[in-house]
Protein backbone atom coordinates (compact mmCIF):
# COMPACT_ATOMS: atom_id res chain seq x y z
CA MET A 1 8.95 -23.97 -57.90
CA ARG A 2 7.25 -26.69 -55.86
CA LYS A 3 10.57 -27.62 -54.30
CA GLU A 4 11.12 -23.99 -53.31
CA VAL A 5 7.67 -23.79 -51.73
CA ALA A 6 8.23 -27.07 -49.88
CA LEU A 7 11.63 -25.85 -48.68
CA ALA A 8 10.14 -22.53 -47.52
CA ARG A 9 7.35 -24.37 -45.67
CA LYS A 10 9.90 -26.64 -44.06
CA LYS A 11 11.86 -23.61 -42.84
CA ILE A 12 8.68 -21.96 -41.57
CA ASP A 13 7.71 -25.14 -39.70
CA SER A 14 11.19 -25.34 -38.21
CA VAL A 15 11.06 -21.72 -37.04
CA ASN A 16 7.54 -22.20 -35.64
CA LYS A 17 8.78 -25.28 -33.77
CA GLU A 18 11.53 -23.18 -32.18
CA LEU A 19 9.18 -20.28 -31.39
CA LYS A 20 6.46 -22.38 -29.76
CA PRO A 21 8.35 -23.00 -26.47
CA LEU A 22 9.40 -19.35 -26.41
CA GLY A 23 5.76 -18.33 -26.77
CA HIS A 24 4.82 -20.53 -23.81
CA THR A 25 7.67 -19.04 -21.77
CA VAL A 26 6.52 -15.51 -22.62
CA GLN A 27 2.93 -16.31 -21.63
CA LYS A 28 4.11 -17.84 -18.36
CA LYS A 29 6.25 -14.78 -17.59
CA GLU A 30 3.33 -12.48 -18.44
CA ARG A 31 1.13 -14.39 -15.95
CA GLU A 32 3.85 -14.20 -13.30
CA TYR A 33 4.28 -10.47 -13.93
CA LYS A 34 0.52 -9.90 -13.72
CA GLU A 35 0.29 -11.85 -10.44
CA ALA A 36 3.26 -9.95 -8.99
CA LEU A 37 1.72 -6.63 -10.03
CA GLU A 38 -1.62 -7.57 -8.45
CA ALA A 39 0.14 -8.59 -5.22
CA PHE A 40 2.09 -5.32 -5.22
CA ASN A 41 -1.09 -3.29 -5.75
CA GLU A 42 -2.86 -5.17 -2.95
CA LYS A 43 0.03 -4.53 -0.55
CA ASN A 44 0.03 -0.89 -1.61
CA ARG A 45 -3.72 -0.62 -0.85
CA GLU A 46 -3.11 -2.21 2.57
CA LYS A 47 -0.29 0.26 3.19
CA VAL A 48 -2.55 3.20 2.34
CA GLN A 49 -5.25 1.87 4.69
CA LEU A 50 -2.74 1.46 7.52
CA ILE A 51 -1.32 4.95 6.99
CA THR A 52 -4.85 6.38 7.01
CA LYS A 53 -5.68 4.55 10.24
CA LEU A 54 -2.38 5.65 11.80
CA THR A 55 -3.14 9.26 10.88
CA GLU A 56 -6.60 9.00 12.46
CA VAL A 57 -5.17 7.50 15.65
CA SER A 58 -2.45 10.17 15.79
CA GLN A 59 -5.07 12.90 15.49
CA LEU A 60 -7.13 11.33 18.27
CA ILE A 61 -4.06 11.16 20.50
CA LEU A 62 -3.26 14.81 19.82
CA LYS A 63 -6.85 15.79 20.63
CA SER A 64 -6.68 13.78 23.86
CA PHE A 65 -3.43 15.46 24.89
CA SER A 66 -4.93 18.86 24.12
CA PHE A 67 -8.04 18.02 26.15
CA PHE A 68 -6.05 16.81 29.17
CA TYR A 69 -3.71 19.79 28.93
CA LEU A 70 -6.66 22.20 28.98
CA LEU A 71 -8.34 20.20 31.73
CA ASN A 72 -5.16 20.39 33.79
CA ILE A 73 -5.08 24.17 33.30
CA VAL A 74 -8.73 24.51 34.38
CA ILE A 75 -8.25 22.25 37.41
CA GLY A 76 -5.01 24.03 38.28
CA ASP A 77 -6.71 27.44 38.10
CA SER A 78 -9.59 26.16 40.26
CA GLU A 79 -7.19 24.79 42.86
CA GLU A 80 -5.24 28.06 42.92
CA LYS A 81 -8.46 30.02 43.46
CA ALA A 82 -9.51 27.62 46.23
CA HIS A 83 -6.13 28.05 47.96
CA ALA A 84 -6.38 31.80 47.59
CA ARG A 85 -9.86 31.76 49.19
CA GLN A 86 -8.65 29.60 52.04
CA LYS A 87 -5.76 31.98 52.71
CA ALA A 88 -8.11 34.95 52.56
CA GLU A 89 -10.41 33.41 55.15
């Protein structure tokens, strides 16, 4: 019985010896995965911020174009009325 227990312990120690480096490798890969995931999430947050800023700038540009378009219409109408008055005089 003692021999069987000693043999079983020897096998367990042998298996543990083989598993130990694998455990270290798994832990290292888990750290690498976690770091890669954090970097990905950070880049994703930056991307969202840039898209938000781009959307804001695009809206400002559209508002500016609309303003200048309307301003051009108003100035154009005023100039046409001024020309019409000059012709009438």
